[in-house]
Structure formats: structure tokens, C-alpha cells
Amino acid sequence: MTTYIPSLTLSDGILTNLAASVLLPIGLGSVIGYATKPATRERESPTLKHPPLRPPAAVFPPVWTALYGSMGYAAYRALTLGVSPLNSLETIDAARHGATLYTIQLGLNLAWMPLFYGFNRPFLATVDAALLFGINAYLAWLWGTKVDAVSGWLLAPYVAWLGFATYLSFGTGYLNGWDLSPRPPAAAATGSRGPKV
């Protein structure tokens, strides 16, 4: 079981306010996405190898917006319903412990894009994605079985997408020698990336 850590947890004022809980991850995700996204031609560069089943770049923004909204709504439901004084201490604890996990995972989520694209650290981004998958699988179980079944199910698409995102992150990193920096056309033809700085 996790521990409720108030200093690492979004405030109840955010998580029990429907608009704030839903719009916060959407807003933060949008800001990070726009601040660190590569140009479409760089992301779709013929010199960058992608694993099979990778969707076009245009798929990611709407999918992430929907996932951020559903995770925010899941958090809202879990906290609003879970911390009611009419609940057992076990339910209240599970809701609060989940809120700490939720906040931590949101931070990890927001770190992925800067790690992958901004700092060119696909290995660390893959570790981040794997941690996100594990934390959210547990969080979906925790909230879904101890607090509110709907909250758990609302996180299920996010967990599934995180599994897929971990595969994409690993596959792209592996296929490109864990270096996503642009290559000159001559190096792309030979497959050489040169030394990593």
C-alpha cells in the first residue's frame, strides 16, 4: 500500500473541483507538448526509425487530450466519493493514497516528452513510461476496487495506452541506437549516428 504524502499530493481544492481536476492535466500536458514537441518533419524524419504499429503524429494530441481528461475525471470521482466521512477508514485511506500516486504519475507523465524529445534521452523516457504503466495499473486497481469502480475503469484506457507508449518509446530508442539526434543524409544511409555527446 502506498502512503498519503500531503506535500506530494495535489490539493483537495483541485482534485474535488470537477473543472480544475479535468483541466489541470489537459492544460499542463498541452503546455509541455507545445513547448517540447519537435517539428513534424523531424518527428516523421526518414532518418528516424520507428517500431511497427506507430500511428501518425497527428493521432497523439487528440488521444492525449482525451486521456488527460479521463484521468482528471477519475481523480475527481475517486477523491469526491472516497473522502466522504460516511466511508470506512480503508476507503478514505485508499482515496488519499491514490491521490499521492496520481500526483506523482502526473509529474512523471509531464517529464516524458522533455526527456524523449527535449533532452534526447529515450532510455530515460522509456524507464519513465514503464514506471507510469506500473503506477497507473496499480492506481486503477486501488481506486477501482477500494474506492469507486468507475474511477478504476476510467483509468483503464490510459493504462493500455501507457503500455503501448512504453513499447513505442523502447522501440524508437532501440532502433535508433538510443540517440534521436538528427543525422546528416550520408550517416542516415549508412546507419551511422556518430558519437553521442
N, C-alpha and C. Protein backbone atom coordinates (compact mmCIF):
# COMPACT_ATOMS: atom_id res chain seq x y z
N MET A 1 0.86 -1.19 0.00
CA MET A 1 0.00 0.00 0.00
C MET A 1 0.89 1.23 0.00
N THR A 2 0.47 2.22 -0.72
CA THR A 2 1.22 3.47 -0.75
C THR A 2 0.88 4.30 0.47
N THR A 3 1.55 5.41 0.59
CA THR A 3 1.33 6.30 1.72
C THR A 3 0.83 7.64 1.20
N TYR A 4 -0.08 8.22 1.93
CA TYR A 4 -0.55 9.56 1.60
C TYR A 4 0.51 10.55 2.06
N ILE A 5 1.03 11.34 1.13
CA ILE A 5 2.06 12.33 1.44
C ILE A 5 1.52 13.68 0.98
N PRO A 6 1.00 14.48 1.92
CA PRO A 6 0.37 15.75 1.52
C PRO A 6 1.27 16.65 0.69
N SER A 7 2.57 16.69 0.98
CA SER A 7 3.46 17.58 0.24
C SER A 7 3.68 17.12 -1.21
N LEU A 8 3.36 15.86 -1.51
CA LEU A 8 3.49 15.33 -2.86
C LEU A 8 2.13 15.08 -3.51
N THR A 9 1.10 15.71 -2.99
CA THR A 9 -0.25 15.46 -3.47
C THR A 9 -0.94 16.77 -3.83
N LEU A 10 -1.58 16.77 -4.99
CA LEU A 10 -2.39 17.93 -5.37
C LEU A 10 -3.43 18.18 -4.29
N SER A 11 -3.77 19.42 -4.09
CA SER A 11 -4.70 19.76 -3.01
C SER A 11 -6.11 19.25 -3.30
N ASP A 12 -6.86 19.04 -2.23
CA ASP A 12 -8.27 18.64 -2.37
C ASP A 12 -9.04 19.68 -3.16
N GLY A 13 -8.65 20.96 -3.01
CA GLY A 13 -9.33 22.02 -3.73
C GLY A 13 -9.27 21.84 -5.24
N ILE A 14 -8.19 21.22 -5.73
CA ILE A 14 -8.07 20.94 -7.17
C ILE A 14 -8.78 19.63 -7.51
N LEU A 15 -8.47 18.58 -6.76
CA LEU A 15 -8.98 17.26 -7.12
C LEU A 15 -10.47 17.08 -6.87
N THR A 16 -11.07 17.88 -5.99
CA THR A 16 -12.51 17.74 -5.76
C THR A 16 -13.31 18.82 -6.49
N ASN A 17 -12.65 19.56 -7.36
CA ASN A 17 -13.32 20.52 -8.23
C ASN A 17 -13.29 19.94 -9.63
N LEU A 18 -14.45 19.64 -10.18
CA LEU A 18 -14.51 18.93 -11.47
C LEU A 18 -13.72 19.65 -12.56
N ALA A 19 -13.97 20.93 -12.74
CA ALA A 19 -13.29 21.66 -13.81
C ALA A 19 -11.77 21.67 -13.60
N ALA A 20 -11.34 21.96 -12.38
CA ALA A 20 -9.90 22.03 -12.10
C ALA A 20 -9.24 20.66 -12.27
N SER A 21 -9.90 19.62 -11.80
CA SER A 21 -9.33 18.27 -11.88
C SER A 21 -9.18 17.81 -13.32
N VAL A 22 -10.14 18.15 -14.16
CA VAL A 22 -10.09 17.73 -15.56
C VAL A 22 -9.16 18.63 -16.38
N LEU A 23 -9.25 19.94 -16.15
CA LEU A 23 -8.50 20.87 -16.98
C LEU A 23 -7.01 20.95 -16.61
N LEU A 24 -6.65 20.66 -15.36
CA LEU A 24 -5.24 20.73 -14.97
C LEU A 24 -4.36 19.81 -15.80
N PRO A 25 -4.64 18.49 -15.88
CA PRO A 25 -3.76 17.66 -16.70
C PRO A 25 -3.81 18.02 -18.19
N ILE A 26 -4.99 18.42 -18.69
CA ILE A 26 -5.08 18.82 -20.09
C ILE A 26 -4.22 20.05 -20.34
N GLY A 27 -4.34 21.04 -19.45
CA GLY A 27 -3.57 22.27 -19.61
C GLY A 27 -2.08 22.05 -19.49
N LEU A 28 -1.66 21.32 -18.44
CA LEU A 28 -0.23 21.06 -18.26
C LEU A 28 0.34 20.22 -19.40
N GLY A 29 -0.42 19.21 -19.82
CA GLY A 29 0.03 18.38 -20.94
C GLY A 29 0.16 19.18 -22.22
N SER A 30 -0.77 20.09 -22.45
CA SER A 30 -0.71 20.93 -23.66
C SER A 30 0.50 21.85 -23.63
N VAL A 31 0.75 22.47 -22.48
CA VAL A 31 1.90 23.37 -22.36
C VAL A 31 3.21 22.62 -22.60
N ILE A 32 3.37 21.47 -21.95
CA ILE A 32 4.59 20.68 -22.13
C ILE A 32 4.70 20.20 -23.57
N GLY A 33 3.58 19.75 -24.13
CA GLY A 33 3.59 19.25 -25.50
C GLY A 33 4.02 20.31 -26.50
N TYR A 34 3.44 21.50 -26.38
CA TYR A 34 3.80 22.57 -27.32
C TYR A 34 5.21 23.10 -27.07
N ALA A 35 5.65 23.08 -25.83
CA ALA A 35 6.98 23.61 -25.52
C ALA A 35 8.10 22.69 -25.99
N THR A 36 7.84 21.39 -26.04
CA THR A 36 8.92 20.45 -26.35
C THR A 36 8.70 19.64 -27.62
N LYS A 37 7.57 19.83 -28.28
CA LYS A 37 7.33 18.99 -29.46
C LYS A 37 8.31 19.31 -30.57
N PRO A 38 8.78 18.27 -31.26
CA PRO A 38 9.64 18.52 -32.40
C PRO A 38 8.77 18.93 -33.59
N ALA A 39 9.40 19.53 -34.56
CA ALA A 39 8.67 19.83 -35.79
C ALA A 39 8.20 18.51 -36.40
N THR A 40 7.06 18.55 -37.05
CA THR A 40 6.51 17.32 -37.64
C THR A 40 7.52 16.66 -38.56
N ARG A 41 8.23 17.45 -39.34
CA ARG A 41 9.19 16.84 -40.27
C ARG A 41 10.32 16.14 -39.51
N GLU A 42 10.67 16.64 -38.29
CA GLU A 42 11.71 15.97 -37.52
C GLU A 42 11.18 14.68 -36.91
N ARG A 43 9.93 14.73 -36.40
CA ARG A 43 9.36 13.54 -35.80
C ARG A 43 9.12 12.46 -36.85
N GLU A 44 8.76 12.89 -38.06
CA GLU A 44 8.48 11.95 -39.15
C GLU A 44 9.70 11.78 -40.06
N SER A 45 10.86 12.25 -39.60
CA SER A 45 12.07 12.22 -40.40
C SER A 45 12.35 10.82 -40.93
N PRO A 46 12.73 10.73 -42.21
CA PRO A 46 13.06 9.40 -42.75
C PRO A 46 14.31 8.81 -42.11
N THR A 47 15.10 9.64 -41.42
CA THR A 47 16.31 9.11 -40.77
C THR A 47 15.99 8.50 -39.41
N LEU A 48 14.80 8.77 -38.88
CA LEU A 48 14.40 8.23 -37.58
C LEU A 48 13.59 6.96 -37.80
N LYS A 49 14.03 5.87 -37.21
CA LYS A 49 13.34 4.58 -37.36
C LYS A 49 12.30 4.43 -36.26
N HIS A 50 11.12 3.93 -36.64
CA HIS A 50 10.03 3.71 -35.68
C HIS A 50 9.64 2.24 -35.68
N PRO A 51 9.15 1.76 -34.54
CA PRO A 51 8.70 0.37 -34.48
C PRO A 51 7.38 0.19 -35.23
N PRO A 52 7.03 -1.04 -35.56
CA PRO A 52 5.75 -1.29 -36.23
C PRO A 52 4.57 -0.81 -35.36
N LEU A 53 3.50 -0.45 -36.02
CA LEU A 53 2.24 -0.02 -35.41
C LEU A 53 2.26 1.41 -34.88
N ARG A 54 3.34 2.16 -35.12
CA ARG A 54 3.38 3.55 -34.65
C ARG A 54 2.38 4.36 -35.46
N PRO A 55 1.43 5.02 -34.77
CA PRO A 55 0.45 5.83 -35.50
C PRO A 55 1.08 7.14 -36.01
N PRO A 56 0.40 7.82 -36.94
CA PRO A 56 0.89 9.12 -37.40
C PRO A 56 0.94 10.12 -36.25
N ALA A 57 1.81 11.11 -36.35
CA ALA A 57 1.98 12.11 -35.29
C ALA A 57 0.68 12.83 -34.96
N ALA A 58 -0.19 13.00 -35.93
CA ALA A 58 -1.46 13.73 -35.71
C ALA A 58 -2.39 13.00 -34.74
N VAL A 59 -2.17 11.71 -34.51
CA VAL A 59 -3.03 10.93 -33.60
C VAL A 59 -2.76 11.30 -32.13
N PHE A 60 -1.53 11.64 -31.81
CA PHE A 60 -1.14 11.81 -30.41
C PHE A 60 -1.85 12.95 -29.68
N PRO A 61 -1.95 14.16 -30.22
CA PRO A 61 -2.61 15.23 -29.45
C PRO A 61 -4.06 14.92 -29.04
N PRO A 62 -4.93 14.45 -29.96
CA PRO A 62 -6.30 14.18 -29.51
C PRO A 62 -6.39 13.00 -28.53
N VAL A 63 -5.55 11.99 -28.74
CA VAL A 63 -5.57 10.85 -27.82
C VAL A 63 -5.15 11.30 -26.43
N TRP A 64 -4.05 12.06 -26.34
CA TRP A 64 -3.58 12.51 -25.03
C TRP A 64 -4.57 13.46 -24.37
N THR A 65 -5.23 14.31 -25.15
CA THR A 65 -6.23 15.21 -24.57
C THR A 65 -7.35 14.41 -23.93
N ALA A 66 -7.84 13.39 -24.64
CA ALA A 66 -8.91 12.54 -24.09
C ALA A 66 -8.43 11.79 -22.85
N LEU A 67 -7.20 11.27 -22.89
CA LEU A 67 -6.68 10.53 -21.74
C LEU A 67 -6.46 11.43 -20.54
N TYR A 68 -5.94 12.64 -20.77
CA TYR A 68 -5.77 13.58 -19.67
C TYR A 68 -7.12 13.93 -19.05
N GLY A 69 -8.12 14.15 -19.88
CA GLY A 69 -9.45 14.47 -19.36
C GLY A 69 -10.04 13.32 -18.55
N SER A 70 -9.89 12.09 -19.05
CA SER A 70 -10.46 10.95 -18.32
C SER A 70 -9.71 10.68 -17.02
N MET A 71 -8.38 10.90 -17.02
CA MET A 71 -7.64 10.69 -15.76
C MET A 71 -8.02 11.76 -14.74
N GLY A 72 -8.23 13.00 -15.22
CA GLY A 72 -8.67 14.06 -14.31
C GLY A 72 -10.04 13.78 -13.73
N TYR A 73 -10.94 13.25 -14.56
CA TYR A 73 -12.27 12.91 -14.07
C TYR A 73 -12.22 11.73 -13.10
N ALA A 74 -11.35 10.76 -13.38
CA ALA A 74 -11.18 9.63 -12.46
C ALA A 74 -10.71 10.12 -11.10
N ALA A 75 -9.75 11.04 -11.09
CA ALA A 75 -9.24 11.58 -9.83
C ALA A 75 -10.35 12.34 -9.09
N TYR A 76 -11.11 13.12 -9.83
CA TYR A 76 -12.23 13.85 -9.23
C TYR A 76 -13.22 12.90 -8.56
N ARG A 77 -13.61 11.86 -9.27
CA ARG A 77 -14.57 10.89 -8.70
C ARG A 77 -13.99 10.19 -7.48
N ALA A 78 -12.75 9.73 -7.61
CA ALA A 78 -12.14 8.97 -6.51
C ALA A 78 -12.02 9.81 -5.25
N LEU A 79 -11.64 11.07 -5.40
CA LEU A 79 -11.49 11.92 -4.21
C LEU A 79 -12.84 12.37 -3.68
N THR A 80 -13.70 12.81 -4.56
CA THR A 80 -15.01 13.31 -4.12
C THR A 80 -15.80 12.22 -3.40
N LEU A 81 -15.83 11.03 -4.00
CA LEU A 81 -16.58 9.93 -3.39
C LEU A 81 -15.79 9.28 -2.26
N GLY A 82 -14.47 9.22 -2.40
CA GLY A 82 -13.65 8.45 -1.47
C GLY A 82 -13.44 9.06 -0.11
N VAL A 83 -13.38 10.40 -0.03
CA VAL A 83 -13.07 11.01 1.26
C VAL A 83 -14.32 11.41 2.05
N SER A 84 -15.45 10.96 1.61
CA SER A 84 -16.68 11.24 2.35
C SER A 84 -16.56 10.70 3.77
N PRO A 85 -16.99 11.48 4.78
CA PRO A 85 -16.91 10.99 6.16
C PRO A 85 -17.81 9.78 6.43
N LEU A 86 -18.69 9.47 5.49
CA LEU A 86 -19.55 8.29 5.65
C LEU A 86 -18.84 7.00 5.25
N ASN A 87 -17.66 7.12 4.64
CA ASN A 87 -16.90 5.94 4.20
C ASN A 87 -16.08 5.35 5.35
N SER A 88 -15.66 4.11 5.13
CA SER A 88 -14.75 3.47 6.09
C SER A 88 -13.38 4.12 6.00
N LEU A 89 -12.59 3.95 7.05
CA LEU A 89 -11.22 4.48 7.03
C LEU A 89 -10.40 3.87 5.90
N GLU A 90 -10.66 2.61 5.58
CA GLU A 90 -9.94 1.94 4.48
C GLU A 90 -10.21 2.64 3.15
N THR A 91 -11.47 3.00 2.90
CA THR A 91 -11.83 3.68 1.65
C THR A 91 -11.21 5.06 1.59
N ILE A 92 -11.28 5.80 2.70
CA ILE A 92 -10.69 7.14 2.75
C ILE A 92 -9.19 7.06 2.54
N ASP A 93 -8.53 6.10 3.20
CA ASP A 93 -7.08 5.93 3.03
C ASP A 93 -6.73 5.58 1.58
N ALA A 94 -7.51 4.70 0.97
CA ALA A 94 -7.23 4.32 -0.42
C ALA A 94 -7.39 5.51 -1.35
N ALA A 95 -8.41 6.33 -1.11
CA ALA A 95 -8.61 7.52 -1.94
C ALA A 95 -7.44 8.48 -1.79
N ARG A 96 -7.01 8.70 -0.56
CA ARG A 96 -5.90 9.63 -0.30
C ARG A 96 -4.57 9.08 -0.80
N HIS A 97 -4.32 7.81 -0.56
CA HIS A 97 -3.08 7.19 -1.06
C HIS A 97 -3.04 7.27 -2.58
N GLY A 98 -4.19 7.02 -3.19
CA GLY A 98 -4.28 7.11 -4.65
C GLY A 98 -4.01 8.53 -5.14
N ALA A 99 -4.44 9.52 -4.38
CA ALA A 99 -4.21 10.92 -4.78
C ALA A 99 -2.71 11.24 -4.82
N THR A 100 -1.95 10.68 -3.89
CA THR A 100 -0.50 10.86 -3.92
C THR A 100 0.09 10.19 -5.15
N LEU A 101 -0.32 8.96 -5.41
CA LEU A 101 0.16 8.25 -6.60
C LEU A 101 -0.22 9.00 -7.87
N TYR A 102 -1.44 9.50 -7.91
CA TYR A 102 -1.93 10.24 -9.07
C TYR A 102 -1.05 11.46 -9.33
N THR A 103 -0.71 12.19 -8.29
CA THR A 103 0.11 13.39 -8.44
C THR A 103 1.51 13.02 -8.93
N ILE A 104 2.09 11.97 -8.36
CA ILE A 104 3.42 11.52 -8.78
C ILE A 104 3.40 11.09 -10.24
N GLN A 105 2.37 10.33 -10.62
CA GLN A 105 2.32 9.87 -12.01
C GLN A 105 2.11 11.03 -12.97
N LEU A 106 1.38 12.06 -12.55
CA LEU A 106 1.19 13.22 -13.41
C LEU A 106 2.54 13.90 -13.67
N GLY A 107 3.35 14.02 -12.63
CA GLY A 107 4.69 14.58 -12.81
C GLY A 107 5.54 13.74 -13.75
N LEU A 108 5.49 12.41 -13.59
CA LEU A 108 6.24 11.52 -14.48
C LEU A 108 5.73 11.63 -15.91
N ASN A 109 4.42 11.75 -16.05
CA ASN A 109 3.83 11.88 -17.38
C ASN A 109 4.35 13.13 -18.07
N LEU A 110 4.36 14.23 -17.33
CA LEU A 110 4.79 15.50 -17.90
C LEU A 110 6.29 15.52 -18.20
N ALA A 111 7.05 14.63 -17.57
CA ALA A 111 8.50 14.56 -17.80
C ALA A 111 8.86 13.78 -19.06
N TRP A 112 7.95 12.93 -19.55
CA TRP A 112 8.31 12.05 -20.67
C TRP A 112 8.73 12.82 -21.91
N MET A 113 7.92 13.75 -22.35
CA MET A 113 8.21 14.45 -23.61
C MET A 113 9.52 15.24 -23.55
N PRO A 114 9.78 15.99 -22.47
CA PRO A 114 11.10 16.65 -22.40
C PRO A 114 12.26 15.64 -22.39
N LEU A 115 12.08 14.51 -21.70
CA LEU A 115 13.14 13.51 -21.70
C LEU A 115 13.38 12.96 -23.10
N PHE A 116 12.29 12.62 -23.79
CA PHE A 116 12.41 11.96 -25.10
C PHE A 116 12.87 12.92 -26.18
N TYR A 117 12.19 14.05 -26.30
CA TYR A 117 12.49 14.98 -27.39
C TYR A 117 13.41 16.12 -26.97
N GLY A 118 13.16 16.71 -25.81
CA GLY A 118 13.92 17.88 -25.40
C GLY A 118 15.37 17.57 -25.06
N PHE A 119 15.58 16.50 -24.27
CA PHE A 119 16.93 16.17 -23.82
C PHE A 119 17.55 14.99 -24.58
N ASN A 120 16.78 14.41 -25.53
CA ASN A 120 17.27 13.28 -26.32
C ASN A 120 17.73 12.14 -25.41
N ARG A 121 16.87 11.75 -24.48
CA ARG A 121 17.18 10.66 -23.55
C ARG A 121 16.09 9.59 -23.66
N PRO A 122 16.05 8.88 -24.81
CA PRO A 122 14.98 7.90 -24.99
C PRO A 122 15.02 6.76 -23.98
N PHE A 123 16.20 6.41 -23.47
CA PHE A 123 16.26 5.34 -22.47
C PHE A 123 15.55 5.77 -21.19
N LEU A 124 15.88 6.99 -20.71
CA LEU A 124 15.21 7.50 -19.50
C LEU A 124 13.72 7.69 -19.74
N ALA A 125 13.35 8.12 -20.93
CA ALA A 125 11.93 8.27 -21.26
C ALA A 125 11.22 6.92 -21.22
N THR A 126 11.91 5.87 -21.66
CA THR A 126 11.32 4.53 -21.64
C THR A 126 11.15 4.04 -20.21
N VAL A 127 12.13 4.29 -19.36
CA VAL A 127 12.01 3.94 -17.93
C VAL A 127 10.83 4.70 -17.32
N ASP A 128 10.73 5.98 -17.66
CA ASP A 128 9.63 6.82 -17.19
C ASP A 128 8.28 6.22 -17.63
N ALA A 129 8.18 5.83 -18.90
CA ALA A 129 6.93 5.26 -19.42
C ALA A 129 6.59 3.94 -18.72
N ALA A 130 7.60 3.12 -18.47
CA ALA A 130 7.36 1.85 -17.77
C ALA A 130 6.88 2.09 -16.34
N LEU A 131 7.49 3.07 -15.66
CA LEU A 131 7.03 3.43 -14.31
C LEU A 131 5.59 3.93 -14.35
N LEU A 132 5.28 4.76 -15.32
CA LEU A 132 3.91 5.25 -15.48
C LEU A 132 2.93 4.10 -15.65
N PHE A 133 3.28 3.15 -16.48
CA PHE A 133 2.41 1.99 -16.71
C PHE A 133 2.16 1.25 -15.40
N GLY A 134 3.23 0.95 -14.66
CA GLY A 134 3.08 0.22 -13.41
C GLY A 134 2.30 0.98 -12.36
N ILE A 135 2.62 2.25 -12.17
CA ILE A 135 1.92 3.06 -11.17
C ILE A 135 0.44 3.16 -11.50
N ASN A 136 0.13 3.40 -12.76
CA ASN A 136 -1.28 3.58 -13.13
C ASN A 136 -2.06 2.28 -13.15
N ALA A 137 -1.41 1.18 -13.45
CA ALA A 137 -2.10 -0.11 -13.33
C ALA A 137 -2.49 -0.34 -11.87
N TYR A 138 -1.55 -0.05 -10.97
CA TYR A 138 -1.85 -0.19 -9.54
C TYR A 138 -2.92 0.80 -9.10
N LEU A 139 -2.81 2.04 -9.56
CA LEU A 139 -3.78 3.07 -9.19
C LEU A 139 -5.18 2.71 -9.67
N ALA A 140 -5.29 2.20 -10.90
CA ALA A 140 -6.60 1.78 -11.41
C ALA A 140 -7.17 0.67 -10.54
N TRP A 141 -6.32 -0.27 -10.13
CA TRP A 141 -6.78 -1.34 -9.24
C TRP A 141 -7.18 -0.77 -7.87
N LEU A 142 -6.34 0.09 -7.31
CA LEU A 142 -6.59 0.64 -5.98
C LEU A 142 -7.91 1.42 -5.95
N TRP A 143 -8.02 2.40 -6.83
CA TRP A 143 -9.25 3.19 -6.83
C TRP A 143 -10.44 2.34 -7.28
N GLY A 144 -10.23 1.47 -8.25
CA GLY A 144 -11.33 0.67 -8.79
C GLY A 144 -11.89 -0.35 -7.82
N THR A 145 -11.04 -0.90 -6.94
CA THR A 145 -11.51 -1.93 -6.00
C THR A 145 -11.78 -1.41 -4.60
N LYS A 146 -11.12 -0.32 -4.23
CA LYS A 146 -11.24 0.16 -2.85
C LYS A 146 -12.08 1.44 -2.71
N VAL A 147 -12.27 2.17 -3.84
CA VAL A 147 -12.95 3.46 -3.73
C VAL A 147 -14.18 3.54 -4.63
N ASP A 148 -13.97 3.43 -5.94
CA ASP A 148 -15.05 3.63 -6.90
C ASP A 148 -14.71 2.88 -8.18
N ALA A 149 -15.52 1.91 -8.55
CA ALA A 149 -15.24 1.09 -9.73
C ALA A 149 -15.13 1.94 -11.00
N VAL A 150 -15.96 2.96 -11.12
CA VAL A 150 -15.93 3.80 -12.32
C VAL A 150 -14.57 4.50 -12.45
N SER A 151 -14.02 4.97 -11.34
CA SER A 151 -12.70 5.61 -11.38
C SER A 151 -11.64 4.66 -11.91
N GLY A 152 -11.69 3.43 -11.46
CA GLY A 152 -10.74 2.43 -11.94
C GLY A 152 -10.89 2.19 -13.44
N TRP A 153 -12.14 2.06 -13.90
CA TRP A 153 -12.37 1.82 -15.33
C TRP A 153 -12.00 3.03 -16.18
N LEU A 154 -12.17 4.23 -15.62
CA LEU A 154 -11.77 5.44 -16.36
C LEU A 154 -10.27 5.48 -16.62
N LEU A 155 -9.49 4.85 -15.76
CA LEU A 155 -8.04 4.81 -15.94
C LEU A 155 -7.60 3.68 -16.88
N ALA A 156 -8.48 2.72 -17.17
CA ALA A 156 -8.10 1.56 -17.99
C ALA A 156 -7.57 1.95 -19.38
N PRO A 157 -8.22 2.87 -20.12
CA PRO A 157 -7.65 3.23 -21.42
C PRO A 157 -6.28 3.90 -21.30
N TYR A 158 -6.10 4.67 -20.26
CA TYR A 158 -4.81 5.32 -20.00
C TYR A 158 -3.73 4.27 -19.75
N VAL A 159 -4.05 3.27 -18.94
CA VAL A 159 -3.09 2.20 -18.66
C VAL A 159 -2.75 1.46 -19.95
N ALA A 160 -3.76 1.16 -20.76
CA ALA A 160 -3.50 0.46 -22.03
C ALA A 160 -2.61 1.31 -22.94
N TRP A 161 -2.92 2.60 -23.04
CA TRP A 161 -2.11 3.48 -23.89
C TRP A 161 -0.68 3.59 -23.35
N LEU A 162 -0.51 3.61 -22.03
CA LEU A 162 0.83 3.67 -21.46
C LEU A 162 1.64 2.42 -21.80
N GLY A 163 0.98 1.27 -21.84
CA GLY A 163 1.67 0.06 -22.27
C GLY A 163 2.15 0.19 -23.71
N PHE A 164 1.29 0.72 -24.57
CA PHE A 164 1.63 0.94 -25.97
C PHE A 164 2.73 2.00 -26.09
N ALA A 165 2.62 3.07 -25.31
CA ALA A 165 3.61 4.15 -25.33
C ALA A 165 4.98 3.64 -24.88
N THR A 166 5.00 2.73 -23.92
CA THR A 166 6.26 2.16 -23.46
C THR A 166 6.91 1.36 -24.60
N TYR A 167 6.09 0.60 -25.31
CA TYR A 167 6.58 -0.14 -26.48
C TYR A 167 7.15 0.81 -27.53
N LEU A 168 6.41 1.88 -27.84
CA LEU A 168 6.87 2.85 -28.85
C LEU A 168 8.16 3.53 -28.41
N SER A 169 8.23 3.91 -27.14
CA SER A 169 9.42 4.58 -26.61
C SER A 169 10.63 3.65 -26.69
N PHE A 170 10.45 2.43 -26.22
CA PHE A 170 11.54 1.46 -26.27
C PHE A 170 11.94 1.17 -27.72
N GLY A 171 10.94 0.91 -28.56
CA GLY A 171 11.22 0.55 -29.96
C GLY A 171 11.96 1.64 -30.70
N THR A 172 11.51 2.89 -30.53
CA THR A 172 12.16 4.00 -31.21
C THR A 172 13.59 4.19 -30.69
N GLY A 173 13.75 4.12 -29.37
CA GLY A 173 15.09 4.25 -28.81
C GLY A 173 16.02 3.15 -29.29
N TYR A 174 15.55 1.92 -29.21
CA TYR A 174 16.37 0.77 -29.61
C TYR A 174 16.76 0.83 -31.08
N LEU A 175 15.77 1.10 -31.93
CA LEU A 175 16.03 1.11 -33.38
C LEU A 175 16.96 2.24 -33.81
N ASN A 176 17.09 3.25 -32.97
CA ASN A 176 17.93 4.40 -33.31
C ASN A 176 19.18 4.48 -32.43
N GLY A 177 19.55 3.37 -31.82
CA GLY A 177 20.76 3.33 -31.01
C GLY A 177 20.69 4.24 -29.80
N TRP A 178 19.48 4.47 -29.29
CA TRP A 178 19.24 5.32 -28.12
C TRP A 178 19.74 6.75 -28.34
N ASP A 179 19.74 7.19 -29.59
CA ASP A 179 20.14 8.55 -29.93
C ASP A 179 19.18 9.07 -31.00
N LEU A 180 18.39 10.07 -30.65
CA LEU A 180 17.39 10.60 -31.57
C LEU A 180 17.84 11.90 -32.25
N SER A 181 19.10 12.25 -32.08
CA SER A 181 19.57 13.49 -32.69
C SER A 181 19.54 13.36 -34.21
N PRO A 182 19.29 14.48 -34.90
CA PRO A 182 19.23 14.43 -36.37
C PRO A 182 20.55 13.94 -36.96
N ARG A 183 20.43 13.17 -38.01
CA ARG A 183 21.63 12.66 -38.70
C ARG A 183 21.73 13.30 -40.07
N PRO A 184 22.93 13.56 -40.52
CA PRO A 184 23.09 14.02 -41.89
C PRO A 184 22.67 12.91 -42.86
N PRO A 185 22.23 13.25 -44.05
CA PRO A 185 21.78 12.22 -45.01
C PRO A 185 22.80 11.12 -45.25
N ALA A 186 24.09 11.43 -45.30
CA ALA A 186 25.11 10.39 -45.54
C ALA A 186 25.14 9.40 -44.40
N ALA A 187 25.05 9.89 -43.15
CA ALA A 187 25.05 8.99 -41.99
C ALA A 187 23.79 8.16 -41.97
N ALA A 188 22.67 8.75 -42.39
CA ALA A 188 21.40 8.01 -42.41
C ALA A 188 21.49 6.84 -43.37
N ALA A 189 22.16 7.04 -44.51
CA ALA A 189 22.26 5.98 -45.50
C ALA A 189 23.08 4.81 -44.98
N THR A 190 24.12 5.09 -44.17
CA THR A 190 24.96 4.02 -43.66
C THR A 190 24.49 3.49 -42.31
N GLY A 191 23.56 4.22 -41.69
CA GLY A 191 23.06 3.80 -40.38
C GLY A 191 23.93 4.29 -39.25
N SER A 192 24.96 5.09 -39.53
CA SER A 192 25.86 5.59 -38.51
C SER A 192 25.31 6.86 -37.87
N ARG A 193 25.38 6.94 -36.56
CA ARG A 193 24.92 8.13 -35.86
C ARG A 193 26.08 8.93 -35.30
N GLY A 194 27.24 8.37 -35.27
CA GLY A 194 28.38 9.10 -34.72
C GLY A 194 28.33 9.09 -33.21
N PRO A 195 29.31 9.73 -32.57
CA PRO A 195 29.36 9.69 -31.11
C PRO A 195 28.25 10.52 -30.48
N LYS A 196 27.75 10.06 -29.36
CA LYS A 196 26.73 10.77 -28.58
C LYS A 196 27.44 11.72 -27.65
N VAL A 197 27.04 12.97 -27.68
CA VAL A 197 27.66 13.98 -26.80
C VAL A 197 26.89 14.11 -25.53
